[in-house]
N, C-alpha and C. Protein backbone atom coordinates (compact mmCIF):
# COMPACT_ATOMS: atom_id res chain seq x y z
N ASN A 1 1.08 -1.29 0.04
CA ASN A 1 -0.21 -0.14 -0.16
C ASN A 1 0.92 1.40 0.02
N LEU A 2 2.21 1.20 0.71
CA LEU A 2 2.90 2.33 0.96
C LEU A 2 3.71 2.88 -0.47
N VAL A 3 3.82 1.62 -1.29
CA VAL A 3 4.71 1.85 -2.67
C VAL A 3 3.34 2.21 -3.47
N LEU A 4 2.28 2.03 -3.73
CA LEU A 4 1.00 2.31 -4.27
C LEU A 4 0.81 3.75 -3.95
N LEU A 5 0.67 4.27 -2.76
CA LEU A 5 0.55 5.48 -2.23
C LEU A 5 1.57 6.02 -2.91
N TRP A 6 2.83 5.93 -2.75
CA TRP A 6 4.03 6.62 -3.52
C TRP A 6 4.12 7.07 -4.52
N ASN A 7 3.85 5.84 -5.58
CA ASN A 7 3.28 5.92 -7.05
C ASN A 7 2.36 6.90 -7.54
N VAL A 8 1.08 6.64 -6.83
CA VAL A 8 0.09 7.56 -7.20
C VAL A 8 0.22 8.86 -6.96
N MET A 9 0.97 9.28 -5.62
CA MET A 9 0.99 10.69 -5.57
C MET A 9 2.12 11.32 -6.29
N ASN A 10 3.09 10.58 -7.05
CA ASN A 10 3.87 10.84 -8.14
C ASN A 10 2.95 11.29 -9.27
N VAL A 11 1.99 10.39 -9.46
CA VAL A 11 1.12 10.68 -10.45
C VAL A 11 0.22 11.94 -10.53
N VAL A 12 -0.36 11.79 -9.55
CA VAL A 12 -0.89 13.48 -9.10
C VAL A 12 -0.08 14.56 -9.22
N VAL A 13 1.17 14.50 -8.95
CA VAL A 13 1.90 15.77 -8.91
C VAL A 13 2.52 16.07 -10.57
N LYS A 14 2.78 14.89 -11.30
CA LYS A 14 3.38 15.06 -12.42
C LYS A 14 2.35 14.86 -13.88
N SER A 15 1.08 14.59 -13.47
CA SER A 15 0.27 14.47 -14.68
C SER A 15 0.03 15.74 -15.15
N ALA A 16 -0.24 15.89 -16.48
CA ALA A 16 -0.28 17.25 -17.24
C ALA A 16 -1.71 17.58 -17.33
N ASP A 17 -2.54 16.76 -17.30
CA ASP A 17 -4.07 16.97 -17.43
C ASP A 17 -4.74 15.67 -16.59
N LYS A 18 -6.05 16.14 -16.49
CA LYS A 18 -6.82 15.29 -15.70
C LYS A 18 -7.01 13.71 -16.38
N GLU A 19 -6.87 13.93 -17.81
CA GLU A 19 -6.97 12.32 -18.29
C GLU A 19 -5.71 11.63 -18.36
N ALA A 20 -4.54 11.98 -18.05
CA ALA A 20 -3.39 11.58 -17.85
C ALA A 20 -3.47 11.05 -16.49
N LEU A 21 -3.80 11.80 -15.75
CA LEU A 21 -4.00 11.43 -14.21
C LEU A 21 -4.90 10.30 -14.14
N ALA A 22 -6.09 10.24 -14.56
CA ALA A 22 -7.11 9.10 -14.65
C ALA A 22 -6.57 7.79 -15.11
N GLU A 23 -5.66 7.93 -16.27
CA GLU A 23 -5.41 6.78 -16.86
C GLU A 23 -4.23 6.18 -16.21
N LYS A 24 -3.40 6.91 -15.38
CA LYS A 24 -2.32 6.52 -14.55
C LYS A 24 -2.79 5.81 -13.36
N LEU A 25 -3.73 6.44 -12.78
CA LEU A 25 -4.54 5.91 -11.62
C LEU A 25 -4.95 4.60 -11.82
N CYS A 26 -5.74 4.69 -12.89
CA CYS A 26 -6.54 3.15 -13.22
C CYS A 26 -5.52 2.04 -13.35
N LEU A 27 -4.38 2.54 -13.90
CA LEU A 27 -3.15 1.42 -14.09
C LEU A 27 -2.35 1.06 -13.17
N HIS A 28 -2.28 1.97 -12.36
CA HIS A 28 -1.67 1.60 -11.17
C HIS A 28 -2.40 0.71 -9.94
N LEU A 29 -3.77 1.14 -9.92
CA LEU A 29 -4.48 0.38 -9.12
C LEU A 29 -4.83 -1.21 -9.81
N GLN A 30 -4.98 -1.13 -10.94
CA GLN A 30 -5.29 -2.41 -11.44
C GLN A 30 -4.22 -3.34 -11.38
N GLN A 31 -2.91 -2.96 -11.56
CA GLN A 31 -1.79 -3.48 -11.49
C GLN A 31 -1.34 -4.10 -10.12
N SER A 32 -1.55 -3.18 -9.09
CA SER A 32 -1.61 -3.25 -7.46
C SER A 32 -2.71 -4.20 -6.84
N PHE A 33 -3.61 -4.29 -7.35
CA PHE A 33 -4.68 -5.05 -6.66
C PHE A 33 -5.18 -6.31 -7.47
N THR A 34 -4.67 -6.47 -9.07
CA THR A 34 -5.40 -7.09 -9.81
C THR A 34 -6.75 -7.26 -9.95
N PHE A 35 -7.54 -6.07 -10.19
CA PHE A 35 -8.89 -5.96 -10.13
C PHE A 35 -9.48 -6.73 -11.67
N ARG A 36 -10.53 -6.87 -11.77
CA ARG A 36 -10.92 -7.25 -13.14
C ARG A 36 -10.93 -5.96 -13.92
N CYS A 37 -11.43 -4.84 -13.58
CA CYS A 37 -11.42 -3.42 -14.20
C CYS A 37 -11.63 -2.33 -13.18
N VAL A 38 -10.82 -1.28 -13.64
CA VAL A 38 -10.64 -0.21 -12.92
C VAL A 38 -11.33 1.03 -13.90
N ALA A 39 -11.83 1.99 -13.49
CA ALA A 39 -12.23 2.96 -14.53
C ALA A 39 -12.71 4.19 -13.98
N ILE A 40 -12.35 5.45 -14.50
CA ILE A 40 -13.02 6.64 -14.03
C ILE A 40 -14.16 7.03 -14.62
N LEU A 41 -15.24 7.15 -14.16
CA LEU A 41 -16.82 7.58 -14.83
C LEU A 41 -16.94 9.02 -14.49
N ASP A 42 -17.34 9.70 -15.46
CA ASP A 42 -17.76 10.94 -15.31
C ASP A 42 -19.11 11.21 -15.62
N CYS A 43 -19.92 11.80 -14.89
CA CYS A 43 -21.68 11.98 -15.04
C CYS A 43 -21.68 13.29 -15.06
N VAL A 44 -22.21 13.89 -16.09
CA VAL A 44 -22.71 15.32 -16.63
C VAL A 44 -24.00 15.24 -17.08
N ASN A 45 -25.01 16.13 -16.58
CA ASN A 45 -26.10 16.31 -17.26
C ASN A 45 -26.96 14.66 -17.19
N ASP A 46 -26.68 13.97 -15.92
CA ASP A 46 -27.11 12.74 -15.68
C ASP A 46 -26.78 11.75 -16.91
N THR A 47 -25.73 12.06 -17.66
CA THR A 47 -25.11 11.16 -18.65
C THR A 47 -23.75 10.38 -18.07
N ILE A 48 -23.71 9.24 -17.96
CA ILE A 48 -22.60 8.74 -17.54
C ILE A 48 -21.51 8.06 -18.34
N SER A 49 -20.27 8.69 -18.70
CA SER A 49 -19.38 8.39 -19.55
C SER A 49 -17.92 7.74 -18.77
N ALA A 50 -17.22 7.41 -19.73
CA ALA A 50 -15.70 6.95 -18.89
C ALA A 50 -14.80 7.81 -19.25
N ILE A 51 -14.03 8.29 -18.43
CA ILE A 51 -12.86 9.14 -18.84
C ILE A 51 -11.67 8.21 -19.50
N THR A 52 -11.54 7.18 -18.75
CA THR A 52 -10.65 6.13 -18.92
C THR A 52 -10.98 5.03 -18.22
N GLY A 53 -10.09 3.61 -18.58
CA GLY A 53 -10.19 2.71 -17.88
C GLY A 53 -9.16 1.55 -18.25
N VAL A 54 -9.07 0.64 -16.96
CA VAL A 54 -8.24 -0.28 -17.80
C VAL A 54 -8.85 -1.83 -17.15
N LEU A 55 -9.13 -2.86 -18.31
CA LEU A 55 -9.34 -4.03 -18.07
C LEU A 55 -8.56 -5.40 -17.88
N ALA A 56 -8.57 -6.30 -17.04
CA ALA A 56 -7.65 -7.26 -16.77
C ALA A 56 -7.64 -7.93 -18.10
N GLY A 57 -6.48 -8.27 -18.81
CA GLY A 57 -6.33 -9.30 -20.00
C GLY A 57 -6.77 -8.57 -21.38
N LYS A 58 -7.09 -7.04 -21.37
CA LYS A 58 -7.33 -6.51 -22.39
C LYS A 58 -6.51 -5.38 -22.78
N ALA A 59 -6.12 -5.18 -23.87
CA ALA A 59 -5.19 -4.26 -24.14
C ALA A 59 -5.80 -2.71 -24.30
N ASN A 60 -6.78 -2.76 -24.77
CA ASN A 60 -7.90 -1.38 -25.03
C ASN A 60 -8.76 -0.97 -24.20
N PHE A 61 -9.09 -0.19 -23.64
CA PHE A 61 -10.31 0.11 -23.21
C PHE A 61 -11.22 1.17 -24.30
N HIS A 62 -12.32 0.62 -24.40
CA HIS A 62 -13.32 1.85 -25.39
C HIS A 62 -14.45 2.40 -24.81
N GLY A 63 -14.67 2.28 -23.50
CA GLY A 63 -15.80 3.09 -22.93
C GLY A 63 -16.61 2.39 -21.92
N VAL A 64 -17.70 3.01 -21.61
CA VAL A 64 -18.56 2.48 -20.51
C VAL A 64 -19.19 1.19 -20.93
N GLY A 65 -19.47 0.94 -22.19
CA GLY A 65 -19.66 -0.40 -22.79
C GLY A 65 -18.86 -1.62 -22.22
N ASP A 66 -17.46 -1.36 -22.14
CA ASP A 66 -16.53 -2.45 -21.88
C ASP A 66 -16.64 -2.81 -20.33
N LEU A 67 -17.63 -2.00 -19.58
CA LEU A 67 -17.56 -2.52 -17.82
C LEU A 67 -18.42 -3.05 -17.63
N GLY A 68 -19.62 -3.59 -18.14
CA GLY A 68 -20.84 -4.27 -18.15
C GLY A 68 -21.48 -3.96 -16.89
N LEU A 69 -21.90 -2.38 -16.81
CA LEU A 69 -22.62 -1.71 -15.76
C LEU A 69 -24.10 -2.14 -16.30
N THR A 70 -24.70 -2.55 -14.70
CA THR A 70 -25.95 -2.92 -14.73
C THR A 70 -26.87 -1.36 -14.35
N GLU A 71 -27.95 -1.46 -14.78
CA GLU A 71 -28.70 -0.15 -14.10
C GLU A 71 -28.62 0.06 -12.58
N ARG A 72 -28.50 -1.04 -11.77
CA ARG A 72 -27.99 -0.54 -10.68
C ARG A 72 -26.76 0.14 -10.13
N ASP A 73 -25.81 -0.48 -11.10
CA ASP A 73 -24.41 0.52 -11.09
C ASP A 73 -24.53 1.87 -11.55
N PHE A 74 -25.27 2.10 -12.66
CA PHE A 74 -25.71 3.55 -12.96
C PHE A 74 -26.35 4.32 -12.00
N HIS A 75 -27.45 3.50 -11.30
CA HIS A 75 -28.13 4.23 -10.23
C HIS A 75 -26.97 4.71 -9.09
N ALA A 76 -26.24 3.71 -8.79
CA ALA A 76 -25.14 3.83 -7.55
C ALA A 76 -24.23 4.97 -7.81
N VAL A 77 -24.08 5.36 -9.18
CA VAL A 77 -23.09 6.56 -9.51
C VAL A 77 -23.73 7.67 -9.20
N ARG A 78 -24.98 7.59 -9.68
CA ARG A 78 -25.80 8.98 -9.57
C ARG A 78 -26.21 9.28 -8.14
N GLN A 79 -26.26 8.30 -7.45
CA GLN A 79 -26.71 8.52 -6.08
C GLN A 79 -25.64 8.92 -5.14
N LEU A 80 -24.31 8.48 -5.58
CA LEU A 80 -23.05 8.55 -4.98
C LEU A 80 -22.77 10.10 -5.06
N LEU A 81 -23.00 10.33 -6.36
CA LEU A 81 -22.62 11.96 -6.62
C LEU A 81 -23.67 12.84 -6.05
N LEU A 82 -24.78 12.54 -6.06
CA LEU A 82 -25.88 13.12 -5.43
C LEU A 82 -25.78 13.27 -3.76
N ASP A 83 -25.54 12.18 -3.01
CA ASP A 83 -25.28 12.20 -1.67
C ASP A 83 -24.07 12.81 -1.52
N GLN A 84 -23.20 13.18 -2.15
CA GLN A 84 -21.81 13.44 -1.97
C GLN A 84 -20.82 12.48 -0.65
N GLY A 85 -21.49 11.57 -1.01
CA GLY A 85 -20.66 10.72 0.12
C GLY A 85 -19.15 10.25 -0.42
N PRO A 86 -18.27 9.68 0.42
CA PRO A 86 -17.05 9.20 -0.28
C PRO A 86 -17.02 7.86 -1.11
N ALA A 87 -18.13 6.81 -0.82
CA ALA A 87 -17.87 5.87 -1.35
C ALA A 87 -19.06 4.89 -1.50
N ALA A 88 -19.50 3.78 -2.18
CA ALA A 88 -20.43 3.30 -2.13
C ALA A 88 -20.00 1.69 -2.78
N HIS A 89 -20.62 0.62 -2.19
CA HIS A 89 -20.22 -0.79 -2.48
C HIS A 89 -21.24 -1.48 -2.70
N HIS A 90 -21.20 -2.40 -3.63
CA HIS A 90 -22.53 -3.54 -3.78
C HIS A 90 -21.45 -4.89 -4.50
N HIS A 91 -21.63 -5.92 -3.66
CA HIS A 91 -20.94 -7.19 -3.81
C HIS A 91 -19.36 -6.72 -3.89
N ASN A 92 -18.92 -7.04 -5.31
CA ASN A 92 -17.55 -6.68 -5.57
C ASN A 92 -17.29 -5.55 -6.31
N ARG A 93 -18.19 -4.83 -6.55
CA ARG A 93 -18.01 -3.48 -7.26
C ARG A 93 -17.98 -2.28 -6.22
N HIS A 94 -17.36 -1.56 -6.29
CA HIS A 94 -16.95 -0.28 -5.57
C HIS A 94 -16.90 1.02 -6.34
N LEU A 95 -17.59 1.98 -5.37
CA LEU A 95 -17.40 3.28 -6.31
C LEU A 95 -16.68 4.29 -5.20
N PHE A 96 -15.90 5.30 -5.73
CA PHE A 96 -15.20 6.05 -4.79
C PHE A 96 -15.33 7.44 -5.51
N ALA A 97 -15.98 8.37 -4.91
CA ALA A 97 -16.11 9.60 -5.56
C ALA A 97 -14.96 10.50 -5.43
N LEU A 98 -14.61 10.91 -6.78
CA LEU A 98 -13.18 11.76 -7.15
C LEU A 98 -13.78 13.46 -6.98
N SER A 99 -14.76 13.56 -7.51
CA SER A 99 -15.14 15.03 -7.82
C SER A 99 -16.49 15.10 -7.60
N GLY A 100 -17.35 16.34 -7.86
CA GLY A 100 -18.57 16.54 -7.73
C GLY A 100 -19.18 15.69 -9.10
N THR A 101 -18.37 15.38 -10.23
CA THR A 101 -18.85 14.54 -11.29
C THR A 101 -18.15 13.13 -11.54
N ALA A 102 -16.80 13.18 -11.02
CA ALA A 102 -16.14 11.91 -11.30
C ALA A 102 -16.14 11.08 -10.39
N VAL A 103 -16.17 9.50 -10.72
CA VAL A 103 -16.05 8.75 -9.87
C VAL A 103 -15.18 7.78 -10.09
N LEU A 104 -14.58 6.93 -9.17
CA LEU A 104 -13.65 5.90 -9.55
C LEU A 104 -14.33 4.51 -9.60
N PHE A 105 -14.52 3.57 -10.45
CA PHE A 105 -15.19 2.49 -10.58
C PHE A 105 -14.18 1.27 -10.36
N VAL A 106 -14.46 0.50 -9.40
CA VAL A 106 -13.47 -0.62 -9.26
C VAL A 106 -14.36 -2.05 -9.16
N ASP A 107 -14.09 -3.02 -10.17
CA ASP A 107 -14.73 -4.24 -10.18
C ASP A 107 -13.54 -5.40 -9.84
N ALA A 108 -13.64 -5.90 -8.61
CA ALA A 108 -12.89 -6.75 -7.91
C ALA A 108 -13.05 -8.25 -8.10
N SER A 109 -12.26 -9.18 -8.51
CA SER A 109 -12.69 -10.50 -8.68
C SER A 109 -12.98 -11.16 -7.46
N ASP A 110 -12.50 -10.67 -6.40
CA ASP A 110 -13.07 -11.32 -5.02
C ASP A 110 -13.31 -10.02 -4.05
N SER A 111 -13.91 -10.21 -2.83
CA SER A 111 -14.23 -9.17 -2.10
C SER A 111 -12.84 -8.38 -1.55
N ILE A 112 -12.81 -7.31 -1.30
CA ILE A 112 -11.55 -6.39 -1.03
C ILE A 112 -11.78 -6.46 0.55
N PRO A 113 -10.74 -6.71 1.40
CA PRO A 113 -10.86 -6.69 2.65
C PRO A 113 -11.14 -5.22 3.10
N PRO A 114 -11.77 -5.16 4.25
CA PRO A 114 -12.14 -3.72 4.75
C PRO A 114 -10.82 -2.70 4.79
N ALA A 115 -9.93 -3.31 5.36
CA ALA A 115 -8.63 -2.20 5.51
C ALA A 115 -8.23 -1.80 4.06
N ASP A 116 -8.28 -2.54 3.18
CA ASP A 116 -7.92 -2.03 1.60
C ASP A 116 -9.00 -0.91 1.14
N VAL A 117 -10.20 -1.37 1.34
CA VAL A 117 -10.86 -0.33 0.97
C VAL A 117 -10.93 0.85 1.69
N GLN A 118 -10.45 0.86 3.01
CA GLN A 118 -10.29 2.07 3.67
C GLN A 118 -9.43 2.86 3.06
N PHE A 119 -8.29 2.13 2.72
CA PHE A 119 -6.63 2.36 1.83
C PHE A 119 -7.38 3.16 0.62
N LEU A 120 -8.25 2.37 -0.08
CA LEU A 120 -8.58 3.08 -1.14
C LEU A 120 -9.19 4.43 -1.14
N GLN A 121 -10.15 4.52 0.12
CA GLN A 121 -10.90 5.94 0.23
C GLN A 121 -9.92 6.88 0.52
N THR A 122 -8.89 6.55 1.25
CA THR A 122 -7.71 7.67 1.46
C THR A 122 -7.12 8.00 0.24
N LEU A 123 -6.63 6.93 -0.41
CA LEU A 123 -6.02 6.99 -1.78
C LEU A 123 -6.88 8.04 -3.01
N VAL A 124 -8.31 7.81 -3.03
CA VAL A 124 -8.80 8.60 -3.63
C VAL A 124 -9.13 9.95 -3.31
N SER A 125 -9.10 10.11 -2.02
CA SER A 125 -9.26 11.64 -1.65
C SER A 125 -7.69 12.34 -1.75
N TYR A 126 -6.78 11.98 -1.85
CA TYR A 126 -5.54 12.45 -2.35
C TYR A 126 -5.76 12.74 -4.06
N CYS A 127 -6.25 11.72 -4.69
CA CYS A 127 -6.52 11.75 -5.87
C CYS A 127 -7.37 12.75 -6.47
N ALA A 128 -8.47 12.93 -5.45
CA ALA A 128 -9.45 13.90 -5.67
C ALA A 128 -8.68 15.46 -5.73
N THR A 129 -7.66 15.29 -4.94
CA THR A 129 -7.11 16.92 -4.76
C THR A 129 -6.61 17.31 -6.27
N GLY A 130 -5.83 16.05 -6.83
CA GLY A 130 -5.09 16.25 -8.19
C GLY A 130 -6.25 16.71 -8.97
N PHE A 131 -7.52 15.93 -9.10
CA PHE A 131 -8.20 16.17 -10.14
C PHE A 131 -8.64 17.80 -9.93
N ALA A 132 -8.87 18.38 -8.87
CA ALA A 132 -9.37 19.37 -8.40
C ALA A 132 -8.31 20.60 -9.04
N THR A 133 -7.09 20.36 -8.97
CA THR A 133 -6.06 21.59 -9.52
C THR A 133 -5.89 21.08 -10.88
N HIS A 134 -6.34 20.53 -11.62
CA HIS A 134 -6.51 20.44 -13.22
C HIS A 134 -7.72 21.05 -13.53
N ASP A 135 -8.42 21.60 -12.61
CA ASP A 135 -9.99 22.44 -12.85
C ASP A 135 -9.38 23.65 -12.73
N VAL A 136 -8.20 24.20 -12.23
CA VAL A 136 -7.80 25.49 -11.75
C VAL A 136 -7.58 26.46 -13.10
N PRO A 137 -6.96 26.01 -14.33
CA PRO A 137 -6.90 26.85 -15.36
C PRO A 137 -8.14 27.51 -15.82
N ASP A 138 -9.47 26.83 -15.59
CA ASP A 138 -10.69 27.11 -16.05
C ASP A 138 -10.94 28.18 -15.38
N ARG A 139 -10.81 28.36 -13.79
CA ARG A 139 -11.01 29.42 -13.07
C ARG A 139 -9.98 30.49 -13.15
N VAL A 140 -8.79 30.39 -13.44
CA VAL A 140 -7.92 31.49 -13.70
C VAL A 140 -7.94 32.23 -14.65
N SER A 141 -8.84 31.64 -15.90
CA SER A 141 -9.23 32.51 -16.88
C SER A 141 -9.77 33.39 -16.59
N GLN A 142 -11.10 33.09 -15.51
CA GLN A 142 -12.06 34.12 -15.29
C GLN A 142 -11.60 35.35 -14.26
N VAL A 143 -10.09 34.97 -13.89
CA VAL A 143 -9.60 36.06 -12.80
C VAL A 143 -9.42 37.47 -13.58
N ALA A 144 -9.99 38.60 -13.02
CA ALA A 144 -9.79 39.92 -13.47
C ALA A 144 -8.57 40.65 -13.11
N GLU A 145 -8.15 41.70 -13.28
CA GLU A 145 -6.95 42.32 -13.03
C GLU A 145 -7.10 43.89 -13.02
N LEU A 146 -6.61 44.54 -11.99
CA LEU A 146 -6.83 45.89 -11.79
C LEU A 146 -5.04 46.44 -11.46
N ASP A 147 -4.50 46.76 -12.08
CA ASP A 147 -3.03 46.99 -12.16
C ASP A 147 -2.56 45.54 -11.71
N ASP A 148 -1.92 45.54 -10.24
CA ASP A 148 -1.38 44.34 -9.67
C ASP A 148 -2.36 43.85 -8.48
N VAL A 149 -3.55 43.98 -8.78
CA VAL A 149 -4.47 43.51 -7.81
C VAL A 149 -5.42 42.39 -8.74
N LEU A 150 -5.22 41.29 -8.12
CA LEU A 150 -6.10 40.10 -8.82
C LEU A 150 -7.39 39.68 -8.08
N TYR A 151 -8.43 39.56 -8.60
CA TYR A 151 -9.97 39.52 -8.03
C TYR A 151 -10.63 38.69 -9.13
N GLN A 152 -11.61 37.87 -8.55
CA GLN A 152 -12.43 37.02 -8.97
C GLN A 152 -14.00 37.37 -8.75
N SER A 153 -14.38 37.91 -7.83
CA SER A 153 -15.82 37.92 -7.18
C SER A 153 -16.35 39.20 -7.80
N PRO A 154 -17.61 39.14 -7.79
CA PRO A 154 -18.25 40.24 -8.53
C PRO A 154 -18.24 41.36 -7.61
N ARG A 155 -18.25 41.40 -6.16
CA ARG A 155 -18.44 42.34 -5.59
C ARG A 155 -16.97 43.47 -5.70
N MET A 156 -15.86 42.56 -6.03
CA MET A 156 -14.58 43.30 -6.43
C MET A 156 -14.61 43.93 -7.61
N ALA A 157 -15.10 43.27 -8.29
CA ALA A 157 -15.47 43.88 -9.88
C ALA A 157 -16.01 45.38 -9.73
N ALA A 158 -17.08 45.36 -8.62
CA ALA A 158 -17.61 46.47 -8.85
C ALA A 158 -16.98 47.76 -8.24
N VAL A 159 -15.85 47.19 -7.33
CA VAL A 159 -15.01 48.23 -6.51
C VAL A 159 -14.12 48.74 -7.76
N ALA A 160 -13.84 47.63 -8.56
CA ALA A 160 -12.62 48.03 -9.62
C ALA A 160 -13.36 48.90 -10.63
N GLU A 161 -14.52 48.68 -10.87
CA GLU A 161 -15.21 49.71 -11.76
C GLU A 161 -15.31 51.18 -11.07
N SER A 162 -15.67 51.14 -9.81
CA SER A 162 -15.61 52.45 -9.28
C SER A 162 -14.30 53.34 -9.24
N VAL A 163 -12.99 52.38 -8.92
CA VAL A 163 -11.85 52.81 -9.07
C VAL A 163 -11.65 53.43 -10.37
N ARG A 164 -11.78 52.66 -11.62
CA ARG A 164 -11.63 53.33 -12.82
C ARG A 164 -12.32 54.55 -13.21
N GLN A 165 -13.63 54.79 -12.44
CA GLN A 165 -14.27 55.93 -12.91
C GLN A 165 -13.85 57.22 -12.04
N VAL A 166 -13.01 56.82 -10.81
CA VAL A 166 -12.92 58.09 -9.82
C VAL A 166 -11.42 58.22 -10.25
N ALA A 167 -10.60 57.36 -11.00
CA ALA A 167 -8.97 57.35 -10.78
C ALA A 167 -8.87 58.64 -11.78
N PRO A 168 -9.54 59.07 -12.70
CA PRO A 168 -9.22 60.22 -13.42
C PRO A 168 -9.59 61.65 -12.95
N THR A 169 -10.18 61.79 -12.02
CA THR A 169 -10.94 62.70 -11.37
C THR A 169 -9.89 63.24 -10.15
N ASP A 170 -10.30 64.51 -9.58
CA ASP A 170 -9.50 64.95 -8.51
C ASP A 170 -10.61 64.80 -7.15
N ALA A 171 -11.57 63.83 -7.32
CA ALA A 171 -12.43 63.70 -6.18
C ALA A 171 -11.61 62.92 -5.07
N THR A 172 -12.07 63.03 -3.80
CA THR A 172 -11.54 62.69 -2.79
C THR A 172 -12.37 60.94 -2.42
N VAL A 173 -11.86 60.28 -1.97
CA VAL A 173 -12.24 58.78 -1.76
C VAL A 173 -11.78 58.25 -0.40
N LEU A 174 -12.83 57.96 0.27
CA LEU A 174 -12.57 56.96 1.61
C LEU A 174 -12.34 55.24 1.11
N ILE A 175 -11.51 54.64 1.51
CA ILE A 175 -11.27 53.40 1.16
C ILE A 175 -11.22 52.75 2.77
N ILE A 176 -11.93 52.04 2.82
CA ILE A 176 -12.16 51.33 4.10
C ILE A 176 -11.91 49.75 4.13
N GLY A 177 -11.47 49.08 5.14
CA GLY A 177 -11.41 47.62 4.94
C GLY A 177 -10.42 47.22 5.91
N GLU A 178 -10.14 46.03 6.05
CA GLU A 178 -9.51 45.42 7.33
C GLU A 178 -8.15 45.47 6.75
N SER A 179 -7.14 45.39 7.75
CA SER A 179 -5.81 45.33 7.71
C SER A 179 -5.33 44.33 6.67
N GLY A 180 -4.51 44.50 5.46
CA GLY A 180 -4.08 43.59 4.55
C GLY A 180 -5.08 43.36 3.52
N THR A 181 -5.85 44.09 3.35
CA THR A 181 -7.03 43.61 2.20
C THR A 181 -6.56 44.34 0.83
N GLY A 182 -5.48 45.17 0.87
CA GLY A 182 -5.28 46.13 -0.44
C GLY A 182 -5.45 47.36 -0.52
N LYS A 183 -5.79 47.92 0.44
CA LYS A 183 -6.42 49.35 0.43
C LYS A 183 -5.14 50.33 -0.20
N GLU A 184 -4.08 50.23 0.11
CA GLU A 184 -3.17 50.96 -0.59
C GLU A 184 -2.69 50.58 -1.93
N ARG A 185 -2.86 49.68 -2.51
CA ARG A 185 -2.83 49.25 -3.86
C ARG A 185 -3.99 49.84 -4.57
N ILE A 186 -5.06 49.64 -3.77
CA ILE A 186 -6.21 50.33 -4.85
C ILE A 186 -6.14 51.83 -4.69
N ALA A 187 -5.72 52.51 -3.61
CA ALA A 187 -5.30 54.18 -3.60
C ALA A 187 -4.36 54.24 -4.48
N ARG A 188 -3.40 53.79 -4.97
CA ARG A 188 -2.35 53.81 -5.83
C ARG A 188 -3.33 53.90 -7.35
């Protein structure tokens, strides 16, 4: 478990994108536990698709159709994401939440010991952080700038607009706020 944790943490740190992270995570888990199948499922607008997966004994993964998911499995994925729970289990199939839309699906040949299930939950929580960091570029593109002050909130956008209106005038402006909030930068 320690070696797997180390390998997966390296994957999280070094993966260039969410798909690469998902692929390497699935590969490491399948090799370490010899699961029948490991896949990352994505549920958007009530449609479940596979980001990637690894099947024991097969070279290529083609998508959700390769997993042999039942209606019960689809319902369990939706319910896990809806309840925001960390995991769900049924027989030898396990689901672990990675994000608000992504789920790790594991189909084991035999039952997984409770200690290993707990380890997988911990491992997945670390990977969830990695998945979240790959969402940052989408948020960064929405960051606005006023000279050297970066902001994202609508309230700060209103302040920036007021600053732009007042800056070219000789009007006196009172700037209030807690210490360290950037009042001097706004004044400049």
